[in-house]
N, C-alpha and C. Protein backbone atom coordinates (compact mmCIF):
# COMPACT_ATOMS: atom_id res chain seq x y z
N MET A 1 46.39 -0.80 5.10
CA MET A 1 45.33 -0.09 5.78
C MET A 1 44.10 0.05 4.89
N LYS A 2 44.31 0.34 3.61
CA LYS A 2 43.19 0.49 2.67
C LYS A 2 42.44 -0.82 2.51
N LYS A 3 43.16 -1.94 2.54
CA LYS A 3 42.52 -3.24 2.38
C LYS A 3 41.59 -3.53 3.55
N LYS A 4 41.97 -3.13 4.76
CA LYS A 4 41.12 -3.35 5.94
C LYS A 4 39.83 -2.55 5.80
N TRP A 5 39.91 -1.31 5.36
CA TRP A 5 38.72 -0.47 5.20
C TRP A 5 37.82 -1.02 4.10
N LEU A 6 38.43 -1.49 3.03
CA LEU A 6 37.65 -2.07 1.94
C LEU A 6 36.95 -3.34 2.41
N LEU A 7 37.64 -4.16 3.14
CA LEU A 7 37.05 -5.39 3.67
C LEU A 7 35.91 -5.06 4.64
N LEU A 8 36.12 -4.09 5.51
CA LEU A 8 35.08 -3.67 6.46
C LEU A 8 33.86 -3.13 5.71
N LEU A 9 34.08 -2.33 4.68
CA LEU A 9 32.98 -1.80 3.88
C LEU A 9 32.20 -2.91 3.20
N MET A 10 32.89 -3.90 2.67
CA MET A 10 32.22 -5.03 2.01
C MET A 10 31.38 -5.82 3.01
N VAL A 11 31.88 -6.03 4.22
CA VAL A 11 31.14 -6.76 5.24
C VAL A 11 29.89 -6.00 5.64
N VAL A 12 30.01 -4.69 5.82
CA VAL A 12 28.85 -3.86 6.20
C VAL A 12 27.81 -3.89 5.09
N LEU A 13 28.22 -3.77 3.84
CA LEU A 13 27.27 -3.82 2.72
C LEU A 13 26.60 -5.18 2.63
N LEU A 14 27.35 -6.24 2.84
CA LEU A 14 26.77 -7.59 2.82
C LEU A 14 25.72 -7.76 3.90
N LEU A 15 26.00 -7.26 5.10
CA LEU A 15 25.04 -7.34 6.20
C LEU A 15 23.79 -6.51 5.91
N ALA A 16 23.98 -5.35 5.32
CA ALA A 16 22.83 -4.49 5.02
C ALA A 16 21.92 -5.13 3.97
N VAL A 17 22.51 -5.73 2.95
CA VAL A 17 21.71 -6.37 1.91
C VAL A 17 21.00 -7.60 2.44
N SER A 18 21.64 -8.35 3.28
CA SER A 18 21.01 -9.57 3.80
C SER A 18 19.92 -9.27 4.82
N ALA A 19 19.86 -8.06 5.37
CA ALA A 19 18.85 -7.71 6.36
C ALA A 19 17.51 -7.33 5.73
N VAL A 20 17.48 -7.08 4.42
CA VAL A 20 16.24 -6.69 3.74
C VAL A 20 15.38 -7.93 3.54
N PRO A 21 14.11 -7.90 3.96
CA PRO A 21 13.25 -9.07 3.80
C PRO A 21 12.93 -9.33 2.33
N ALA A 22 12.77 -10.58 1.99
CA ALA A 22 12.43 -10.96 0.62
C ALA A 22 10.91 -10.95 0.47
N LEU A 23 10.35 -9.82 0.05
CA LEU A 23 8.90 -9.66 -0.03
C LEU A 23 8.30 -10.42 -1.21
N ALA A 24 9.09 -10.66 -2.23
CA ALA A 24 8.54 -11.27 -3.44
C ALA A 24 8.17 -12.74 -3.24
N GLY A 25 8.71 -13.41 -2.24
CA GLY A 25 8.47 -14.83 -2.06
C GLY A 25 7.15 -15.18 -1.39
N TRP A 26 6.41 -14.21 -0.92
CA TRP A 26 5.17 -14.48 -0.21
C TRP A 26 3.99 -14.63 -1.15
N ASP A 27 3.00 -15.43 -0.70
CA ASP A 27 1.71 -15.45 -1.37
C ASP A 27 0.88 -14.33 -0.76
N TRP A 28 0.19 -13.57 -1.60
CA TRP A 28 -0.53 -12.39 -1.14
C TRP A 28 -2.03 -12.58 -1.23
N CYS A 29 -2.75 -11.92 -0.33
CA CYS A 29 -4.21 -11.82 -0.38
C CYS A 29 -4.54 -10.35 -0.65
N TYR A 30 -5.66 -10.14 -1.34
CA TYR A 30 -6.00 -8.79 -1.81
C TYR A 30 -7.42 -8.39 -1.44
N ASP A 31 -7.61 -7.08 -1.36
CA ASP A 31 -8.93 -6.47 -1.24
C ASP A 31 -8.84 -5.15 -1.98
N ASP A 32 -9.94 -4.70 -2.56
CA ASP A 32 -9.84 -3.46 -3.34
C ASP A 32 -11.11 -2.61 -3.26
N PRO A 33 -11.14 -1.71 -2.29
CA PRO A 33 -12.24 -0.74 -2.29
C PRO A 33 -12.12 0.14 -3.53
N VAL A 34 -13.26 0.58 -4.04
CA VAL A 34 -13.30 1.38 -5.27
C VAL A 34 -13.84 2.77 -4.93
N VAL A 35 -13.13 3.79 -5.39
CA VAL A 35 -13.58 5.17 -5.24
C VAL A 35 -14.16 5.60 -6.58
N VAL A 36 -15.40 6.08 -6.55
CA VAL A 36 -16.03 6.60 -7.77
C VAL A 36 -15.90 8.13 -7.71
N LEU A 37 -15.17 8.66 -8.69
CA LEU A 37 -14.91 10.09 -8.75
C LEU A 37 -16.15 10.84 -9.26
N PRO A 38 -16.23 12.14 -9.00
CA PRO A 38 -17.39 12.91 -9.47
C PRO A 38 -17.59 12.86 -10.98
N ASN A 39 -16.51 12.65 -11.76
CA ASN A 39 -16.64 12.57 -13.22
C ASN A 39 -17.01 11.17 -13.70
N GLY A 40 -17.22 10.21 -12.77
CA GLY A 40 -17.61 8.86 -13.14
C GLY A 40 -16.48 7.87 -13.25
N ASN A 41 -15.22 8.34 -13.30
CA ASN A 41 -14.08 7.43 -13.34
C ASN A 41 -14.00 6.63 -12.04
N THR A 42 -13.45 5.44 -12.12
CA THR A 42 -13.29 4.61 -10.92
C THR A 42 -11.81 4.45 -10.60
N VAL A 43 -11.52 4.49 -9.31
CA VAL A 43 -10.15 4.32 -8.81
C VAL A 43 -10.15 3.13 -7.86
N ASN A 44 -9.39 2.09 -8.22
CA ASN A 44 -9.22 0.94 -7.33
C ASN A 44 -8.04 1.20 -6.41
N VAL A 45 -8.26 0.99 -5.12
CA VAL A 45 -7.20 1.09 -4.14
C VAL A 45 -6.98 -0.32 -3.62
N GLU A 46 -6.07 -1.04 -4.25
CA GLU A 46 -5.85 -2.44 -3.94
C GLU A 46 -4.87 -2.59 -2.78
N VAL A 47 -5.30 -3.33 -1.77
CA VAL A 47 -4.48 -3.59 -0.58
C VAL A 47 -4.06 -5.05 -0.60
N ALA A 48 -2.81 -5.31 -0.27
CA ALA A 48 -2.30 -6.69 -0.26
C ALA A 48 -1.56 -6.95 1.05
N VAL A 49 -1.76 -8.15 1.59
CA VAL A 49 -1.00 -8.60 2.77
C VAL A 49 -0.60 -10.06 2.52
N PRO A 50 0.46 -10.53 3.19
CA PRO A 50 0.83 -11.94 3.05
C PRO A 50 -0.33 -12.85 3.46
N LYS A 51 -0.46 -13.96 2.75
CA LYS A 51 -1.58 -14.89 2.97
C LYS A 51 -1.69 -15.33 4.42
N GLU A 52 -0.57 -15.58 5.08
CA GLU A 52 -0.63 -16.06 6.47
C GLU A 52 -1.10 -14.98 7.45
N ASP A 53 -1.13 -13.72 7.01
CA ASP A 53 -1.59 -12.62 7.86
C ASP A 53 -2.94 -12.06 7.41
N ALA A 54 -3.63 -12.75 6.51
CA ALA A 54 -4.87 -12.23 5.92
C ALA A 54 -6.00 -12.08 6.92
N SER A 55 -5.93 -12.75 8.06
CA SER A 55 -7.00 -12.61 9.06
C SER A 55 -6.78 -11.39 9.96
N GLN A 56 -5.60 -10.77 9.86
CA GLN A 56 -5.29 -9.59 10.67
C GLN A 56 -5.87 -8.34 10.02
N PRO A 57 -6.44 -7.44 10.80
CA PRO A 57 -7.03 -6.23 10.20
C PRO A 57 -5.99 -5.26 9.66
N VAL A 58 -6.43 -4.50 8.65
CA VAL A 58 -5.64 -3.40 8.10
C VAL A 58 -6.48 -2.15 8.23
N PHE A 59 -5.89 -1.10 8.77
CA PHE A 59 -6.58 0.18 8.92
C PHE A 59 -6.22 1.04 7.71
N MET A 60 -7.24 1.56 7.06
CA MET A 60 -7.01 2.26 5.81
C MET A 60 -7.66 3.63 5.82
N TYR A 61 -6.92 4.62 5.37
CA TYR A 61 -7.41 5.98 5.25
C TYR A 61 -7.37 6.36 3.77
N ILE A 62 -8.48 6.79 3.23
CA ILE A 62 -8.54 7.23 1.84
C ILE A 62 -9.12 8.63 1.79
N LYS A 63 -8.35 9.56 1.26
CA LYS A 63 -8.85 10.91 1.01
C LYS A 63 -9.01 11.06 -0.50
N ALA A 64 -10.19 11.47 -0.93
CA ALA A 64 -10.53 11.52 -2.35
C ALA A 64 -11.05 12.91 -2.71
N PRO A 65 -11.17 13.18 -4.01
CA PRO A 65 -11.72 14.47 -4.43
C PRO A 65 -13.13 14.69 -3.89
N PHE A 66 -13.44 15.96 -3.65
CA PHE A 66 -14.75 16.36 -3.15
C PHE A 66 -15.85 15.79 -4.05
N GLY A 67 -16.84 15.15 -3.44
CA GLY A 67 -17.96 14.60 -4.18
C GLY A 67 -17.79 13.14 -4.57
N SER A 68 -16.66 12.54 -4.25
CA SER A 68 -16.43 11.12 -4.56
C SER A 68 -17.23 10.24 -3.61
N THR A 69 -17.45 8.99 -4.03
CA THR A 69 -18.12 8.00 -3.18
C THR A 69 -17.24 6.75 -3.09
N LEU A 70 -17.50 5.95 -2.06
CA LEU A 70 -16.72 4.74 -1.83
C LEU A 70 -17.62 3.52 -2.00
N GLU A 71 -17.15 2.57 -2.79
CA GLU A 71 -17.83 1.28 -2.93
C GLU A 71 -16.92 0.23 -2.32
N GLU A 72 -17.33 -0.35 -1.19
CA GLU A 72 -16.54 -1.37 -0.54
C GLU A 72 -16.89 -2.74 -1.09
N ASP A 73 -15.88 -3.53 -1.34
CA ASP A 73 -16.07 -4.90 -1.82
C ASP A 73 -16.02 -5.83 -0.62
N GLU A 74 -17.15 -6.42 -0.28
CA GLU A 74 -17.22 -7.30 0.90
C GLU A 74 -16.64 -8.68 0.64
N SER A 75 -16.28 -8.99 -0.61
CA SER A 75 -15.79 -10.32 -0.93
C SER A 75 -14.27 -10.45 -0.77
N GLY A 76 -13.59 -9.41 -0.31
CA GLY A 76 -12.13 -9.46 -0.16
C GLY A 76 -11.70 -10.39 0.96
N ASP A 77 -10.42 -10.71 0.97
CA ASP A 77 -9.85 -11.64 1.94
C ASP A 77 -9.36 -10.98 3.22
N ILE A 78 -9.30 -9.66 3.24
CA ILE A 78 -8.67 -8.94 4.35
C ILE A 78 -9.72 -8.14 5.11
N PRO A 79 -9.71 -8.20 6.45
CA PRO A 79 -10.61 -7.31 7.21
C PRO A 79 -10.08 -5.88 7.18
N LEU A 80 -10.75 -5.02 6.40
CA LEU A 80 -10.34 -3.63 6.26
C LEU A 80 -11.22 -2.72 7.11
N TYR A 81 -10.61 -1.79 7.80
CA TYR A 81 -11.32 -0.73 8.51
C TYR A 81 -10.99 0.55 7.76
N ILE A 82 -11.95 1.03 6.95
CA ILE A 82 -11.70 2.14 6.05
C ILE A 82 -12.27 3.43 6.61
N PHE A 83 -11.44 4.47 6.59
CA PHE A 83 -11.85 5.83 6.95
C PHE A 83 -11.79 6.63 5.65
N PHE A 84 -12.97 7.06 5.17
CA PHE A 84 -13.08 7.70 3.86
C PHE A 84 -13.38 9.18 4.03
N ASP A 85 -12.62 10.04 3.35
CA ASP A 85 -12.78 11.49 3.45
C ASP A 85 -12.81 12.09 2.04
N PRO A 86 -14.00 12.37 1.50
CA PRO A 86 -14.10 12.95 0.16
C PRO A 86 -14.04 14.47 0.20
N SER A 87 -12.88 15.03 0.55
CA SER A 87 -12.80 16.49 0.69
C SER A 87 -11.59 17.11 0.01
N ASP A 88 -10.82 16.34 -0.77
CA ASP A 88 -9.64 16.90 -1.42
C ASP A 88 -10.07 17.84 -2.54
N MET A 89 -9.52 19.02 -2.55
CA MET A 89 -9.89 20.02 -3.55
C MET A 89 -8.92 20.05 -4.74
N HIS A 90 -7.93 19.15 -4.76
CA HIS A 90 -6.91 19.18 -5.81
C HIS A 90 -6.94 17.95 -6.71
N TYR A 91 -8.03 17.21 -6.69
CA TYR A 91 -8.21 16.01 -7.50
C TYR A 91 -7.06 15.02 -7.32
N ARG A 92 -6.86 14.65 -6.05
CA ARG A 92 -5.86 13.65 -5.69
C ARG A 92 -6.52 12.55 -4.89
N ILE A 93 -5.89 11.38 -4.92
CA ILE A 93 -6.23 10.29 -4.02
C ILE A 93 -5.04 10.10 -3.10
N THR A 94 -5.28 10.16 -1.81
CA THR A 94 -4.26 9.84 -0.82
C THR A 94 -4.74 8.60 -0.10
N ALA A 95 -3.92 7.57 -0.11
CA ALA A 95 -4.27 6.31 0.55
C ALA A 95 -3.16 5.92 1.51
N VAL A 96 -3.57 5.50 2.71
CA VAL A 96 -2.63 5.02 3.72
C VAL A 96 -3.17 3.68 4.23
N ALA A 97 -2.33 2.67 4.19
CA ALA A 97 -2.70 1.36 4.74
C ALA A 97 -1.77 1.07 5.90
N ASP A 98 -2.34 0.79 7.06
CA ASP A 98 -1.57 0.58 8.28
C ASP A 98 -1.87 -0.82 8.82
N PRO A 99 -0.88 -1.73 8.79
CA PRO A 99 -1.13 -3.08 9.30
C PRO A 99 -1.28 -3.07 10.81
N SER A 100 -2.04 -4.03 11.34
CA SER A 100 -2.23 -4.11 12.79
C SER A 100 -1.17 -4.97 13.46
N GLY A 101 -0.25 -5.51 12.68
CA GLY A 101 0.80 -6.36 13.24
C GLY A 101 2.10 -6.18 12.48
N MET A 102 3.03 -7.09 12.72
CA MET A 102 4.35 -7.00 12.10
C MET A 102 4.39 -7.76 10.78
N TYR A 103 3.64 -7.31 9.80
CA TYR A 103 3.64 -7.88 8.47
C TYR A 103 3.61 -6.72 7.47
N PRO A 104 4.11 -6.94 6.26
CA PRO A 104 4.09 -5.86 5.27
C PRO A 104 2.71 -5.71 4.65
N VAL A 105 2.47 -4.54 4.14
CA VAL A 105 1.22 -4.28 3.42
C VAL A 105 1.59 -3.56 2.12
N GLY A 106 0.86 -3.89 1.06
CA GLY A 106 1.10 -3.25 -0.23
C GLY A 106 -0.11 -2.46 -0.67
N LEU A 107 0.13 -1.43 -1.45
CA LEU A 107 -0.94 -0.61 -2.02
C LEU A 107 -0.70 -0.45 -3.51
N LYS A 108 -1.77 -0.57 -4.27
CA LYS A 108 -1.71 -0.27 -5.70
C LYS A 108 -2.94 0.56 -6.03
N VAL A 109 -2.73 1.70 -6.66
CA VAL A 109 -3.83 2.60 -7.02
C VAL A 109 -3.89 2.66 -8.54
N SER A 110 -5.07 2.36 -9.08
CA SER A 110 -5.25 2.42 -10.53
C SER A 110 -6.56 3.11 -10.85
N GLU A 111 -6.54 3.86 -11.93
CA GLU A 111 -7.74 4.57 -12.39
C GLU A 111 -8.16 4.01 -13.74
N ASN A 112 -9.38 3.50 -13.81
CA ASN A 112 -9.91 2.90 -15.03
C ASN A 112 -8.95 1.87 -15.62
N GLY A 113 -8.31 1.08 -14.76
CA GLY A 113 -7.42 0.01 -15.20
C GLY A 113 -5.97 0.39 -15.39
N GLN A 114 -5.63 1.68 -15.35
CA GLN A 114 -4.25 2.12 -15.53
C GLN A 114 -3.60 2.33 -14.15
N VAL A 115 -2.51 1.62 -13.88
CA VAL A 115 -1.83 1.72 -12.59
C VAL A 115 -1.16 3.08 -12.47
N LEU A 116 -1.49 3.79 -11.38
CA LEU A 116 -0.92 5.11 -11.13
C LEU A 116 0.23 5.05 -10.13
N ALA A 117 0.15 4.13 -9.18
CA ALA A 117 1.21 3.99 -8.17
C ALA A 117 1.11 2.62 -7.53
N GLU A 118 2.27 2.09 -7.12
CA GLU A 118 2.32 0.80 -6.44
C GLU A 118 3.48 0.84 -5.46
N LYS A 119 3.19 0.41 -4.22
CA LYS A 119 4.21 0.49 -3.18
C LYS A 119 3.98 -0.60 -2.14
N THR A 120 5.07 -1.21 -1.65
CA THR A 120 5.01 -2.19 -0.57
C THR A 120 5.88 -1.71 0.57
N GLY A 121 5.34 -1.77 1.79
CA GLY A 121 6.07 -1.27 2.94
C GLY A 121 6.82 -2.35 3.70
N ARG A 122 7.50 -1.93 4.71
CA ARG A 122 8.22 -2.84 5.60
C ARG A 122 7.24 -3.44 6.58
N PRO A 123 7.56 -4.60 7.14
CA PRO A 123 6.66 -5.22 8.12
C PRO A 123 6.35 -4.27 9.28
N GLY A 124 5.05 -4.09 9.55
CA GLY A 124 4.60 -3.27 10.66
C GLY A 124 4.51 -1.79 10.37
N ALA A 125 4.94 -1.35 9.20
CA ALA A 125 4.95 0.09 8.89
C ALA A 125 3.82 0.44 7.92
N PRO A 126 3.19 1.60 8.12
CA PRO A 126 2.15 2.03 7.18
C PRO A 126 2.73 2.38 5.81
N VAL A 127 1.91 2.25 4.78
CA VAL A 127 2.31 2.60 3.41
C VAL A 127 1.45 3.79 2.97
N HIS A 128 2.10 4.80 2.39
CA HIS A 128 1.42 6.01 1.94
C HIS A 128 1.56 6.12 0.42
N VAL A 129 0.46 6.44 -0.25
CA VAL A 129 0.48 6.68 -1.68
C VAL A 129 -0.39 7.91 -1.95
N ARG A 130 0.12 8.83 -2.78
CA ARG A 130 -0.67 9.98 -3.20
C ARG A 130 -0.52 10.11 -4.71
N VAL A 131 -1.65 10.17 -5.41
CA VAL A 131 -1.63 10.27 -6.85
C VAL A 131 -2.64 11.31 -7.32
N ARG A 132 -2.37 11.87 -8.46
CA ARG A 132 -3.31 12.80 -9.09
C ARG A 132 -4.23 11.98 -9.97
N VAL A 133 -5.53 12.27 -9.88
CA VAL A 133 -6.52 11.58 -10.71
C VAL A 133 -7.21 12.60 -11.60
N TYR A 134 -7.90 12.12 -12.61
CA TYR A 134 -8.51 13.03 -13.60
C TYR A 134 -9.99 12.90 -13.67
């Protein structure tokens, strides 16, 4: 009886592992709007999507510390629709990237070249990142 349960558990684990998409094998396209903080530091919010989905829009929400400004880079590969809100009173950056289709999206937030957070979501799901900035 124990052998049957062990075999069933192994089959379930094998199916669960094989259902996870292999995100590392894709070629990625990037875009990186820059938030300039009130103290002059710069925060890059880098968005990545698979190359074959680079023509699909990504909806992005960025909440930044009060008094921050946004510099959009028009040379990126991804059509970004950015909603910028410089009203955070706790010196945080909150970034959400929401794909318009069934493809994954990645976010990387770095301040003055130092990576603060990096996350890749599941296909079709938004990715949320919140970091403290200085």
